[in-house]
N, C-alpha and C. Protein backbone atom coordinates (compact mmCIF):
# COMPACT_ATOMS: atom_id res chain seq x y z
N UNK A 1 135.54 -81.67 58.02
CA UNK A 1 136.28 -82.54 57.11
C UNK A 1 135.54 -83.87 56.99
N UNK A 2 135.27 -84.30 55.76
CA UNK A 2 134.51 -85.53 55.55
C UNK A 2 135.13 -86.32 54.41
N UNK A 3 135.29 -87.62 54.64
CA UNK A 3 135.79 -88.52 53.60
C UNK A 3 134.73 -89.56 53.33
N UNK A 4 134.29 -89.63 52.08
CA UNK A 4 133.20 -90.52 51.67
C UNK A 4 133.73 -91.58 50.70
N UNK A 5 133.41 -92.83 50.99
CA UNK A 5 133.73 -93.94 50.09
C UNK A 5 132.51 -94.24 49.24
N UNK A 6 132.68 -94.23 47.92
CA UNK A 6 131.58 -94.51 47.01
C UNK A 6 131.93 -95.72 46.16
N UNK A 7 131.00 -96.69 46.14
CA UNK A 7 131.23 -97.94 45.43
C UNK A 7 129.91 -98.48 44.88
N UNK A 8 130.02 -99.26 43.81
CA UNK A 8 128.92 -100.09 43.32
C UNK A 8 129.31 -101.54 43.55
N UNK A 9 128.40 -102.30 44.17
CA UNK A 9 128.69 -103.67 44.59
C UNK A 9 127.64 -104.63 44.06
N UNK A 10 128.04 -105.88 43.90
CA UNK A 10 127.07 -106.93 43.61
C UNK A 10 126.35 -107.34 44.90
N UNK A 11 125.32 -108.17 44.76
CA UNK A 11 124.59 -108.64 45.93
C UNK A 11 125.49 -109.43 46.88
N UNK A 12 126.51 -110.08 46.34
CA UNK A 12 127.43 -110.85 47.17
C UNK A 12 128.71 -110.09 47.50
N UNK A 13 128.64 -108.76 47.38
CA UNK A 13 129.73 -107.93 47.89
C UNK A 13 130.96 -107.86 47.03
N UNK A 14 130.83 -108.16 45.74
CA UNK A 14 131.98 -108.09 44.84
C UNK A 14 131.99 -106.77 44.07
N UNK A 15 133.22 -106.33 43.76
CA UNK A 15 133.43 -105.13 42.95
C UNK A 15 133.57 -105.44 41.48
N UNK A 16 133.92 -106.68 41.16
CA UNK A 16 134.24 -107.06 39.78
C UNK A 16 134.03 -108.56 39.64
N UNK A 17 133.90 -109.06 38.40
CA UNK A 17 133.78 -110.50 38.18
C UNK A 17 135.06 -111.22 38.56
N UNK A 18 135.02 -112.56 38.64
CA UNK A 18 136.18 -113.32 39.12
C UNK A 18 137.46 -113.05 38.35
N UNK A 19 137.36 -112.80 37.06
CA UNK A 19 138.57 -112.57 36.26
C UNK A 19 139.19 -111.21 36.51
N UNK A 20 138.50 -110.34 37.26
CA UNK A 20 139.05 -109.03 37.58
C UNK A 20 138.95 -108.07 36.42
N UNK A 21 139.81 -107.06 36.42
CA UNK A 21 139.79 -106.04 35.38
C UNK A 21 138.76 -104.98 35.67
N UNK A 22 138.60 -104.07 34.71
CA UNK A 22 137.64 -102.98 34.87
C UNK A 22 136.22 -103.51 34.93
N UNK A 23 135.41 -102.94 35.78
CA UNK A 23 134.02 -103.37 35.90
C UNK A 23 133.13 -102.14 36.09
N UNK A 24 131.99 -102.14 35.41
CA UNK A 24 130.99 -101.09 35.57
C UNK A 24 129.69 -101.78 35.97
N UNK A 25 129.49 -101.94 37.27
CA UNK A 25 128.35 -102.72 37.73
C UNK A 25 127.06 -101.92 37.70
N UNK A 26 127.13 -100.64 38.00
CA UNK A 26 125.93 -99.82 38.10
C UNK A 26 125.43 -99.33 36.75
N UNK A 27 124.15 -98.94 36.73
CA UNK A 27 123.55 -98.41 35.53
C UNK A 27 123.54 -96.89 35.51
N UNK A 28 122.62 -96.32 34.72
CA UNK A 28 122.61 -94.87 34.52
C UNK A 28 122.27 -94.10 35.80
N UNK A 29 121.38 -94.65 36.63
CA UNK A 29 121.03 -93.97 37.87
C UNK A 29 122.22 -93.93 38.83
N UNK A 30 122.96 -95.04 38.88
CA UNK A 30 124.16 -95.06 39.71
C UNK A 30 125.19 -94.07 39.18
N UNK A 31 125.29 -93.96 37.87
CA UNK A 31 126.23 -93.01 37.29
C UNK A 31 125.88 -91.58 37.71
N UNK A 32 124.60 -91.26 37.73
CA UNK A 32 124.19 -89.92 38.17
C UNK A 32 124.60 -89.69 39.63
N UNK A 33 124.39 -90.67 40.47
CA UNK A 33 124.78 -90.54 41.88
C UNK A 33 126.28 -90.36 42.02
N UNK A 34 127.03 -91.08 41.21
CA UNK A 34 128.49 -90.93 41.24
C UNK A 34 128.89 -89.52 40.84
N UNK A 35 128.28 -89.00 39.78
CA UNK A 35 128.63 -87.64 39.35
C UNK A 35 128.21 -86.59 40.38
N UNK A 36 127.10 -86.82 41.07
CA UNK A 36 126.72 -85.91 42.15
C UNK A 36 127.76 -85.93 43.27
N UNK A 37 128.29 -87.11 43.56
CA UNK A 37 129.34 -87.20 44.58
C UNK A 37 130.61 -86.50 44.11
N UNK A 38 130.94 -86.64 42.84
CA UNK A 38 132.10 -85.94 42.29
C UNK A 38 131.91 -84.43 42.38
N UNK A 39 130.69 -83.97 42.10
CA UNK A 39 130.41 -82.53 42.17
C UNK A 39 130.54 -82.02 43.60
N UNK A 40 130.24 -82.86 44.57
CA UNK A 40 130.37 -82.49 45.99
C UNK A 40 131.83 -82.39 46.41
N UNK A 41 132.69 -83.17 45.80
CA UNK A 41 134.05 -83.38 46.30
C UNK A 41 134.98 -82.21 46.00
N UNK A 42 135.88 -81.94 46.95
CA UNK A 42 137.00 -81.03 46.72
C UNK A 42 138.16 -81.75 46.04
N UNK A 43 138.28 -83.05 46.29
CA UNK A 43 139.28 -83.88 45.61
C UNK A 43 138.83 -85.32 45.69
N UNK A 44 139.46 -86.17 44.88
CA UNK A 44 139.18 -87.60 44.88
C UNK A 44 140.46 -88.38 45.12
N UNK A 45 140.32 -89.54 45.73
CA UNK A 45 141.42 -90.47 45.95
C UNK A 45 141.16 -91.75 45.19
N UNK A 46 142.21 -92.31 44.57
CA UNK A 46 142.10 -93.61 43.92
C UNK A 46 143.41 -94.35 44.11
N UNK A 47 143.32 -95.64 44.38
CA UNK A 47 144.51 -96.46 44.51
C UNK A 47 145.16 -96.71 43.15
N UNK A 48 146.48 -96.83 43.16
CA UNK A 48 147.19 -97.06 41.90
C UNK A 48 146.74 -98.35 41.23
N UNK A 49 146.41 -99.38 42.01
CA UNK A 49 145.96 -100.63 41.42
C UNK A 49 144.64 -100.49 40.68
N UNK A 50 143.72 -99.72 41.25
CA UNK A 50 142.44 -99.48 40.57
C UNK A 50 142.65 -98.70 39.28
N UNK A 51 143.56 -97.75 39.31
CA UNK A 51 143.83 -96.98 38.10
C UNK A 51 144.42 -97.87 37.02
N UNK A 52 145.29 -98.80 37.40
CA UNK A 52 145.85 -99.73 36.42
C UNK A 52 144.75 -100.58 35.79
N UNK A 53 143.77 -100.99 36.60
CA UNK A 53 142.69 -101.84 36.10
C UNK A 53 141.78 -101.10 35.14
N UNK A 54 141.49 -99.83 35.43
CA UNK A 54 140.53 -99.07 34.63
C UNK A 54 141.19 -98.18 33.57
N UNK A 55 142.43 -97.77 33.81
CA UNK A 55 143.19 -96.91 32.89
C UNK A 55 142.60 -95.51 32.75
N UNK A 56 141.63 -95.20 33.57
CA UNK A 56 141.01 -93.88 33.59
C UNK A 56 140.29 -93.74 34.92
N UNK A 57 139.78 -92.54 35.17
CA UNK A 57 138.99 -92.34 36.38
C UNK A 57 137.64 -91.75 36.00
N UNK A 58 136.87 -91.37 37.00
CA UNK A 58 135.52 -90.88 36.79
C UNK A 58 135.54 -89.36 36.63
N UNK A 59 134.72 -88.85 35.73
CA UNK A 59 134.60 -87.41 35.55
C UNK A 59 133.13 -87.02 35.49
N UNK A 60 132.87 -85.75 35.73
CA UNK A 60 131.51 -85.21 35.65
C UNK A 60 131.19 -84.87 34.20
N UNK A 61 130.03 -85.36 33.73
CA UNK A 61 129.56 -85.03 32.38
C UNK A 61 128.30 -84.17 32.40
N UNK A 62 127.47 -84.30 33.44
CA UNK A 62 126.17 -83.63 33.46
C UNK A 62 126.34 -82.11 33.52
N UNK A 63 125.72 -81.37 32.57
CA UNK A 63 125.89 -79.91 32.54
C UNK A 63 125.47 -79.21 33.83
N UNK A 64 124.40 -79.68 34.47
CA UNK A 64 123.95 -79.00 35.69
C UNK A 64 124.96 -79.15 36.82
N UNK A 65 125.66 -80.28 36.86
CA UNK A 65 126.66 -80.49 37.90
C UNK A 65 127.93 -79.70 37.61
N UNK A 66 128.28 -79.60 36.35
CA UNK A 66 129.41 -78.75 35.98
C UNK A 66 129.12 -77.29 36.32
N UNK A 67 127.88 -76.86 36.06
CA UNK A 67 127.49 -75.49 36.39
C UNK A 67 127.49 -75.28 37.90
N UNK A 68 127.07 -76.29 38.63
CA UNK A 68 127.07 -76.20 40.09
C UNK A 68 128.48 -75.92 40.63
N UNK A 69 129.46 -76.64 40.09
CA UNK A 69 130.83 -76.41 40.54
C UNK A 69 131.32 -75.03 40.12
N UNK A 70 130.96 -74.60 38.92
CA UNK A 70 131.35 -73.28 38.46
C UNK A 70 130.78 -72.20 39.37
N UNK A 71 129.53 -72.36 39.79
CA UNK A 71 128.89 -71.37 40.65
C UNK A 71 129.53 -71.32 42.03
N UNK A 72 130.22 -72.40 42.41
CA UNK A 72 130.91 -72.45 43.70
C UNK A 72 132.38 -72.09 43.58
N UNK A 73 132.77 -71.59 42.40
CA UNK A 73 134.16 -71.20 42.14
C UNK A 73 135.12 -72.37 42.30
N UNK A 74 134.66 -73.56 41.92
CA UNK A 74 135.50 -74.75 41.95
C UNK A 74 135.91 -75.12 40.53
N UNK A 75 137.02 -75.84 40.35
CA UNK A 75 137.34 -76.33 39.01
C UNK A 75 136.26 -77.28 38.52
N UNK A 76 136.13 -77.41 37.21
CA UNK A 76 135.04 -78.23 36.67
C UNK A 76 135.11 -79.67 37.15
N UNK A 77 136.30 -80.18 37.38
CA UNK A 77 136.50 -81.52 37.89
C UNK A 77 137.36 -81.45 39.15
N UNK A 78 137.04 -82.25 40.16
CA UNK A 78 137.90 -82.26 41.35
C UNK A 78 139.25 -82.88 41.02
N UNK A 79 140.34 -82.38 41.61
CA UNK A 79 141.64 -83.01 41.40
C UNK A 79 141.60 -84.48 41.80
N UNK A 80 142.35 -85.30 41.08
CA UNK A 80 142.44 -86.72 41.39
C UNK A 80 143.81 -86.99 42.01
N UNK A 81 143.80 -87.57 43.20
CA UNK A 81 145.03 -87.92 43.90
C UNK A 81 145.21 -89.43 43.81
N UNK A 82 146.25 -89.86 43.12
CA UNK A 82 146.58 -91.28 42.98
C UNK A 82 147.44 -91.68 44.16
N UNK A 83 147.03 -92.72 44.86
CA UNK A 83 147.76 -93.19 46.04
C UNK A 83 148.59 -94.40 45.64
N UNK A 84 149.89 -94.30 45.82
CA UNK A 84 150.82 -95.32 45.35
C UNK A 84 151.86 -95.62 46.42
N UNK A 85 152.41 -96.82 46.37
CA UNK A 85 153.52 -97.17 47.27
C UNK A 85 154.85 -96.65 46.75
N UNK A 86 154.85 -96.08 45.54
CA UNK A 86 156.11 -95.64 44.94
C UNK A 86 155.93 -94.29 44.27
N UNK A 87 156.99 -93.47 44.30
CA UNK A 87 156.96 -92.19 43.59
C UNK A 87 157.05 -92.37 42.08
N UNK A 88 157.42 -93.55 41.64
CA UNK A 88 157.47 -93.86 40.21
C UNK A 88 156.60 -95.08 39.97
N UNK A 89 155.27 -94.92 39.97
CA UNK A 89 154.36 -96.06 39.86
C UNK A 89 154.63 -96.88 38.61
N UNK A 90 154.68 -98.19 38.77
CA UNK A 90 154.96 -99.08 37.65
C UNK A 90 153.70 -99.34 36.85
N UNK A 91 153.86 -99.51 35.54
CA UNK A 91 152.76 -99.91 34.69
C UNK A 91 151.80 -98.81 34.31
N UNK A 92 152.18 -97.56 34.49
CA UNK A 92 151.33 -96.44 34.08
C UNK A 92 151.64 -96.11 32.63
N UNK A 93 150.79 -96.59 31.74
CA UNK A 93 151.02 -96.44 30.31
C UNK A 93 150.71 -95.01 29.88
N UNK A 94 151.61 -94.36 29.14
CA UNK A 94 151.34 -92.99 28.68
C UNK A 94 150.18 -92.88 27.71
N UNK A 95 149.71 -94.01 27.17
CA UNK A 95 148.58 -93.99 26.25
C UNK A 95 147.23 -94.14 26.94
N UNK A 96 147.22 -94.30 28.24
CA UNK A 96 145.94 -94.41 28.96
C UNK A 96 145.09 -93.16 28.77
N UNK A 97 143.76 -93.30 28.71
CA UNK A 97 142.88 -92.12 28.69
C UNK A 97 143.07 -91.23 29.92
N UNK A 98 143.51 -91.79 31.01
CA UNK A 98 143.74 -91.05 32.26
C UNK A 98 144.52 -89.77 32.03
N UNK A 99 145.54 -89.83 31.18
CA UNK A 99 146.42 -88.68 31.00
C UNK A 99 145.76 -87.55 30.22
N UNK A 100 144.65 -87.85 29.55
CA UNK A 100 143.94 -86.83 28.78
C UNK A 100 142.68 -86.33 29.49
N UNK A 101 142.35 -86.90 30.61
CA UNK A 101 141.12 -86.49 31.30
C UNK A 101 141.27 -85.10 31.93
N UNK A 102 140.15 -84.37 32.02
CA UNK A 102 140.23 -82.94 32.37
C UNK A 102 140.27 -82.64 33.87
N UNK A 103 141.20 -83.27 34.57
CA UNK A 103 141.37 -82.96 35.99
C UNK A 103 142.85 -82.82 36.30
N UNK A 104 143.12 -82.19 37.41
CA UNK A 104 144.49 -82.06 37.91
C UNK A 104 144.91 -83.39 38.52
N UNK A 105 146.12 -83.86 38.18
CA UNK A 105 146.63 -85.15 38.65
C UNK A 105 147.67 -84.93 39.75
N UNK A 106 147.40 -85.48 40.91
CA UNK A 106 148.32 -85.43 42.04
C UNK A 106 148.75 -86.86 42.37
N UNK A 107 149.89 -86.99 43.02
CA UNK A 107 150.38 -88.29 43.45
C UNK A 107 150.67 -88.23 44.95
N UNK A 108 150.15 -89.20 45.67
CA UNK A 108 150.42 -89.35 47.10
C UNK A 108 151.23 -90.62 47.28
N UNK A 109 152.49 -90.47 47.66
CA UNK A 109 153.40 -91.61 47.71
C UNK A 109 154.48 -91.37 48.76
N UNK A 110 155.08 -92.43 49.29
CA UNK A 110 156.17 -92.26 50.25
C UNK A 110 157.45 -91.86 49.54
N UNK A 111 158.23 -91.00 50.16
CA UNK A 111 159.56 -90.68 49.63
C UNK A 111 160.43 -90.22 50.78
N UNK A 112 161.74 -90.45 50.62
CA UNK A 112 162.69 -90.14 51.68
C UNK A 112 163.30 -88.76 51.51
N UNK A 113 163.74 -88.46 50.27
CA UNK A 113 164.38 -87.17 50.05
C UNK A 113 163.34 -86.07 49.93
N UNK A 114 163.73 -84.87 50.24
CA UNK A 114 162.79 -83.75 50.16
C UNK A 114 163.50 -82.55 49.54
N UNK A 115 162.97 -81.98 48.46
CA UNK A 115 161.78 -82.45 47.76
C UNK A 115 162.09 -83.60 46.81
N UNK A 116 161.15 -84.53 46.65
CA UNK A 116 161.30 -85.62 45.69
C UNK A 116 160.99 -85.10 44.29
N UNK A 117 161.59 -85.70 43.25
CA UNK A 117 161.28 -85.26 41.88
C UNK A 117 159.82 -85.53 41.53
N UNK A 118 159.22 -84.61 40.82
CA UNK A 118 157.82 -84.74 40.43
C UNK A 118 157.72 -85.67 39.23
N UNK A 119 156.97 -86.78 39.34
CA UNK A 119 156.84 -87.70 38.20
C UNK A 119 156.15 -87.02 37.02
N UNK A 120 156.51 -87.44 35.82
CA UNK A 120 155.90 -86.90 34.61
C UNK A 120 154.38 -87.07 34.65
N UNK A 121 153.68 -86.03 34.24
CA UNK A 121 152.23 -86.08 34.13
C UNK A 121 151.48 -85.65 35.37
N UNK A 122 152.19 -85.50 36.49
CA UNK A 122 151.53 -85.10 37.73
C UNK A 122 151.88 -83.65 38.06
N UNK A 123 150.90 -82.95 38.61
CA UNK A 123 151.09 -81.54 38.95
C UNK A 123 151.59 -81.33 40.37
N UNK A 124 151.28 -82.28 41.26
CA UNK A 124 151.72 -82.16 42.66
C UNK A 124 152.11 -83.53 43.18
N UNK A 125 153.06 -83.54 44.10
CA UNK A 125 153.46 -84.75 44.80
C UNK A 125 153.32 -84.50 46.29
N UNK A 126 152.53 -85.33 46.95
CA UNK A 126 152.36 -85.26 48.40
C UNK A 126 153.03 -86.46 49.04
N UNK A 127 153.59 -86.24 50.20
CA UNK A 127 154.28 -87.31 50.91
C UNK A 127 153.27 -88.15 51.69
N UNK A 128 153.29 -89.46 51.44
CA UNK A 128 152.39 -90.38 52.13
C UNK A 128 152.98 -90.73 53.50
N UNK A 129 152.25 -90.37 54.54
CA UNK A 129 152.66 -90.70 55.90
C UNK A 129 151.71 -91.72 56.49
N UNK A 130 151.59 -91.77 57.80
CA UNK A 130 150.64 -92.69 58.43
C UNK A 130 149.21 -92.40 57.98
N UNK A 131 148.46 -93.47 57.75
CA UNK A 131 147.08 -93.29 57.28
C UNK A 131 146.26 -92.45 58.25
N UNK A 132 146.54 -92.57 59.52
CA UNK A 132 145.74 -91.86 60.52
C UNK A 132 145.83 -90.35 60.39
N UNK A 133 146.83 -89.85 59.67
CA UNK A 133 146.96 -88.41 59.48
C UNK A 133 146.52 -87.92 58.13
N UNK A 134 145.90 -88.80 57.33
CA UNK A 134 145.59 -88.43 55.94
C UNK A 134 144.60 -87.28 55.85
N UNK A 135 143.51 -87.34 56.60
CA UNK A 135 142.51 -86.27 56.50
C UNK A 135 143.09 -84.93 56.92
N UNK A 136 143.89 -84.94 57.95
CA UNK A 136 144.52 -83.70 58.38
C UNK A 136 145.45 -83.16 57.30
N UNK A 137 146.17 -84.06 56.64
CA UNK A 137 147.08 -83.65 55.57
C UNK A 137 146.30 -83.04 54.40
N UNK A 138 145.19 -83.66 54.02
CA UNK A 138 144.40 -83.15 52.91
C UNK A 138 143.72 -81.84 53.28
N UNK A 139 143.28 -81.72 54.53
CA UNK A 139 142.67 -80.47 54.97
C UNK A 139 143.66 -79.32 54.88
N UNK A 140 144.93 -79.61 55.15
CA UNK A 140 145.97 -78.57 55.06
C UNK A 140 146.16 -78.10 53.63
N UNK A 141 145.77 -78.93 52.65
CA UNK A 141 145.82 -78.55 51.24
C UNK A 141 144.55 -77.84 50.80
N UNK A 142 143.60 -77.67 51.70
CA UNK A 142 142.35 -76.99 51.38
C UNK A 142 141.22 -77.91 50.99
N UNK A 143 141.40 -79.22 51.15
CA UNK A 143 140.38 -80.19 50.76
C UNK A 143 139.56 -80.58 51.99
N UNK A 144 138.31 -80.20 52.01
CA UNK A 144 137.43 -80.47 53.14
C UNK A 144 136.46 -81.62 52.86
N UNK A 145 136.18 -81.86 51.59
CA UNK A 145 135.24 -82.91 51.19
C UNK A 145 135.97 -83.83 50.21
N UNK A 146 136.24 -85.05 50.67
CA UNK A 146 137.12 -85.97 49.94
C UNK A 146 136.32 -87.19 49.53
N UNK A 147 136.43 -87.58 48.27
CA UNK A 147 135.73 -88.74 47.74
C UNK A 147 136.73 -89.85 47.46
N UNK A 148 136.50 -91.01 48.05
CA UNK A 148 137.36 -92.17 47.86
C UNK A 148 136.72 -93.09 46.83
N UNK A 149 137.42 -93.32 45.72
CA UNK A 149 136.89 -94.10 44.61
C UNK A 149 137.36 -95.56 44.63
N UNK A 150 138.14 -95.95 45.61
CA UNK A 150 138.67 -97.31 45.67
C UNK A 150 140.16 -97.32 45.39
N UNK A 151 140.73 -98.49 45.31
CA UNK A 151 140.11 -99.80 45.38
C UNK A 151 140.07 -100.39 46.79
N UNK A 152 139.98 -101.72 46.80
CA UNK A 152 139.74 -102.43 48.03
C UNK A 152 140.86 -102.26 49.04
N UNK A 153 142.11 -102.31 48.59
CA UNK A 153 143.23 -102.20 49.53
C UNK A 153 143.26 -100.82 50.19
N UNK A 154 143.04 -99.79 49.39
CA UNK A 154 143.05 -98.43 49.93
C UNK A 154 141.86 -98.22 50.86
N UNK A 155 140.69 -98.70 50.47
CA UNK A 155 139.51 -98.57 51.33
C UNK A 155 139.75 -99.26 52.67
N UNK A 156 140.35 -100.45 52.63
CA UNK A 156 140.61 -101.19 53.86
C UNK A 156 141.58 -100.43 54.76
N UNK A 157 142.64 -99.89 54.17
CA UNK A 157 143.63 -99.16 54.97
C UNK A 157 143.00 -97.95 55.65
N UNK A 158 142.15 -97.24 54.93
CA UNK A 158 141.55 -96.03 55.50
C UNK A 158 140.45 -96.35 56.51
N UNK A 159 139.74 -97.45 56.31
CA UNK A 159 138.78 -97.88 57.32
C UNK A 159 139.50 -98.31 58.60
N UNK A 160 140.59 -99.04 58.45
CA UNK A 160 141.36 -99.46 59.63
C UNK A 160 141.88 -98.25 60.41
N UNK A 161 142.23 -97.20 59.69
CA UNK A 161 142.78 -95.99 60.33
C UNK A 161 141.70 -95.02 60.77
N UNK A 162 140.43 -95.41 60.65
CA UNK A 162 139.30 -94.58 61.07
C UNK A 162 139.30 -93.24 60.33
N UNK A 163 139.54 -93.30 59.02
CA UNK A 163 139.55 -92.08 58.21
C UNK A 163 138.30 -91.93 57.35
N UNK A 164 137.45 -92.95 57.29
CA UNK A 164 136.26 -92.91 56.45
C UNK A 164 135.06 -92.48 57.30
N UNK A 165 134.35 -91.46 56.84
CA UNK A 165 133.21 -90.92 57.57
C UNK A 165 131.87 -91.38 57.01
N UNK A 166 131.84 -91.68 55.72
CA UNK A 166 130.56 -92.00 55.09
C UNK A 166 130.77 -93.07 54.03
N UNK A 167 129.79 -93.96 53.92
CA UNK A 167 129.74 -94.97 52.87
C UNK A 167 128.56 -94.66 51.96
N UNK A 168 128.81 -94.60 50.66
CA UNK A 168 127.75 -94.47 49.66
C UNK A 168 127.86 -95.70 48.76
N UNK A 169 126.94 -96.63 48.93
CA UNK A 169 127.01 -97.91 48.25
C UNK A 169 125.79 -98.09 47.36
N UNK A 170 126.02 -98.48 46.12
CA UNK A 170 124.95 -98.90 45.23
C UNK A 170 124.99 -100.41 45.12
N UNK A 171 123.91 -101.07 45.57
CA UNK A 171 123.83 -102.52 45.51
C UNK A 171 123.16 -102.90 44.19
N UNK A 172 123.88 -103.65 43.37
CA UNK A 172 123.41 -104.00 42.03
C UNK A 172 122.88 -105.44 42.02
N UNK A 173 121.82 -105.72 41.24
CA UNK A 173 121.18 -107.04 41.26
C UNK A 173 121.97 -108.07 40.47
N UNK A 174 123.18 -108.36 40.95
CA UNK A 174 124.08 -109.30 40.31
C UNK A 174 124.69 -110.20 41.37
N UNK A 175 124.96 -111.45 41.00
CA UNK A 175 125.78 -112.35 41.79
C UNK A 175 127.01 -112.68 40.95
N UNK A 176 128.19 -112.39 41.47
CA UNK A 176 129.42 -112.51 40.67
C UNK A 176 130.35 -113.62 41.14
N UNK A 177 130.35 -113.94 42.42
CA UNK A 177 131.30 -114.92 42.92
C UNK A 177 132.73 -114.45 42.80
N UNK A 178 133.67 -115.35 43.05
CA UNK A 178 135.08 -115.00 42.96
C UNK A 178 135.57 -114.30 44.22
N UNK A 179 136.75 -113.71 44.10
CA UNK A 179 137.40 -113.14 45.29
C UNK A 179 137.57 -111.62 45.22
N UNK A 180 136.84 -110.95 44.32
CA UNK A 180 137.00 -109.49 44.18
C UNK A 180 136.03 -108.75 45.11
N UNK A 181 136.22 -108.99 46.40
CA UNK A 181 135.38 -108.34 47.40
C UNK A 181 135.69 -106.86 47.50
N UNK A 182 134.73 -106.11 48.06
CA UNK A 182 134.97 -104.66 48.20
C UNK A 182 135.95 -104.36 49.32
N UNK A 183 136.16 -105.33 50.22
CA UNK A 183 137.26 -105.28 51.19
C UNK A 183 138.04 -106.58 51.06
N UNK A 184 139.36 -106.54 51.22
CA UNK A 184 140.18 -107.73 50.97
C UNK A 184 139.81 -108.89 51.90
N UNK A 185 139.93 -110.11 51.39
CA UNK A 185 139.72 -111.30 52.22
C UNK A 185 140.71 -111.29 53.38
N UNK A 186 140.22 -111.65 54.57
CA UNK A 186 141.08 -111.65 55.75
C UNK A 186 141.27 -110.29 56.38
N UNK A 187 140.61 -109.30 55.86
CA UNK A 187 140.72 -107.93 56.38
C UNK A 187 140.23 -107.87 57.82
N UNK A 188 141.02 -107.28 58.69
CA UNK A 188 140.67 -107.16 60.10
C UNK A 188 140.32 -105.70 60.43
N UNK A 189 139.26 -105.55 61.18
CA UNK A 189 138.76 -104.21 61.50
C UNK A 189 138.13 -104.24 62.89
N UNK A 190 138.42 -103.22 63.67
CA UNK A 190 137.73 -103.08 64.95
C UNK A 190 136.24 -102.83 64.68
N UNK A 191 135.36 -103.41 65.49
CA UNK A 191 133.92 -103.21 65.26
C UNK A 191 133.57 -101.73 65.20
N UNK A 192 132.77 -101.39 64.20
CA UNK A 192 132.30 -100.03 64.02
C UNK A 192 130.79 -100.04 63.84
N UNK A 193 130.12 -99.06 64.39
CA UNK A 193 128.68 -98.92 64.17
C UNK A 193 128.44 -97.75 63.24
N UNK A 194 127.54 -97.96 62.26
CA UNK A 194 127.24 -96.95 61.27
C UNK A 194 125.76 -96.61 61.32
N UNK A 195 125.44 -95.35 61.10
CA UNK A 195 124.06 -94.87 61.11
C UNK A 195 123.55 -94.73 59.68
N UNK A 196 122.38 -95.28 59.42
CA UNK A 196 121.77 -95.18 58.10
C UNK A 196 121.31 -93.76 57.84
N UNK A 197 121.80 -93.16 56.76
CA UNK A 197 121.39 -91.81 56.36
C UNK A 197 120.31 -91.84 55.29
N UNK A 198 120.39 -92.82 54.40
CA UNK A 198 119.47 -92.84 53.26
C UNK A 198 119.43 -94.24 52.68
N UNK A 199 118.26 -94.64 52.25
CA UNK A 199 118.11 -95.86 51.46
C UNK A 199 116.96 -95.65 50.49
N UNK A 200 117.20 -95.96 49.23
CA UNK A 200 116.13 -95.81 48.25
C UNK A 200 116.46 -96.63 47.01
N UNK A 201 115.42 -97.22 46.41
CA UNK A 201 115.63 -97.92 45.15
C UNK A 201 115.89 -96.93 44.03
N UNK A 202 116.72 -97.32 43.10
CA UNK A 202 116.97 -96.52 41.90
C UNK A 202 116.75 -97.40 40.68
N UNK A 203 116.85 -96.83 39.50
CA UNK A 203 116.52 -97.56 38.27
C UNK A 203 117.39 -98.81 38.13
N UNK A 204 116.85 -99.78 37.39
CA UNK A 204 117.60 -100.99 37.10
C UNK A 204 117.60 -101.99 38.24
N UNK A 205 116.68 -101.83 39.20
CA UNK A 205 116.63 -102.75 40.33
C UNK A 205 117.75 -102.56 41.32
N UNK A 206 118.43 -101.41 41.26
CA UNK A 206 119.55 -101.14 42.16
C UNK A 206 119.05 -100.43 43.42
N UNK A 207 119.87 -100.48 44.46
CA UNK A 207 119.51 -99.88 45.74
C UNK A 207 120.66 -99.01 46.22
N UNK A 208 120.34 -97.74 46.52
CA UNK A 208 121.32 -96.83 47.11
C UNK A 208 121.19 -96.90 48.63
N UNK A 209 122.33 -97.07 49.31
CA UNK A 209 122.36 -96.96 50.77
C UNK A 209 123.52 -96.05 51.15
N UNK A 210 123.27 -95.17 52.11
CA UNK A 210 124.31 -94.27 52.62
C UNK A 210 124.35 -94.39 54.14
N UNK A 211 125.56 -94.55 54.65
CA UNK A 211 125.77 -94.67 56.09
C UNK A 211 126.82 -93.67 56.55
N UNK A 212 126.67 -93.22 57.79
CA UNK A 212 127.66 -92.35 58.43
C UNK A 212 128.19 -93.07 59.67
N UNK A 213 129.51 -93.03 59.86
CA UNK A 213 130.09 -93.70 61.01
C UNK A 213 129.63 -93.02 62.30
N UNK A 214 129.40 -93.83 63.33
CA UNK A 214 129.01 -93.32 64.64
C UNK A 214 130.24 -93.34 65.55
N UNK A 215 130.87 -92.21 65.68
CA UNK A 215 131.96 -92.07 66.63
C UNK A 215 131.39 -91.48 67.92
N UNK A 216 132.21 -91.39 68.94
CA UNK A 216 131.71 -90.91 70.23
C UNK A 216 131.15 -89.50 70.14
N UNK A 217 131.67 -88.70 69.16
CA UNK A 217 131.24 -87.32 69.04
C UNK A 217 129.99 -87.12 68.21
N UNK A 218 129.56 -88.17 67.45
CA UNK A 218 128.39 -87.96 66.59
C UNK A 218 127.33 -89.03 66.77
N UNK A 219 127.38 -89.78 67.87
CA UNK A 219 126.35 -90.79 68.12
C UNK A 219 125.06 -90.12 68.59
């Protein structure tokens, strides 16, 4: 079971410009790397706040990657699991492109009654429990390779709960300033050591770095 966080960051560690909103920091080479990660994934996770900012998620466009998934008997796009604090997420506009994108939409949210009503537009509802049990919960659904698309609050929660196994970061040659860090300001985390798996320059002056967490079992 592996959970990978994939992000594009500025040189000063920002996800977006100071005014916030949707941001596409990486270029075409970063987009290819993102689609390769999507092709690897059994499912993707995205925070409700990030979805509100972008109004859509990432999908695979490259024919060779679509064929790769087909040859592995996987759906053309990995299911997208939206992580929300509510079973009825606020501000989800029915006109968003998200609702027309070619993936299965799941919702991971807390609820008291069982079974909770399935929100419109979603195919499955999973109960959000303690973060420390998330990978085990997803594995029980058949998801062994999980891609985390953000945002910062969700990434922080899963890092704190020791649920993230790999970081795939594209460093973009930009300085943005502001407070849109890839982890929230004031975020507290127990010290972790990570092992470098890969580093290489890509087009547009960008740099790909991949790290794997070093736990007692994989040091």
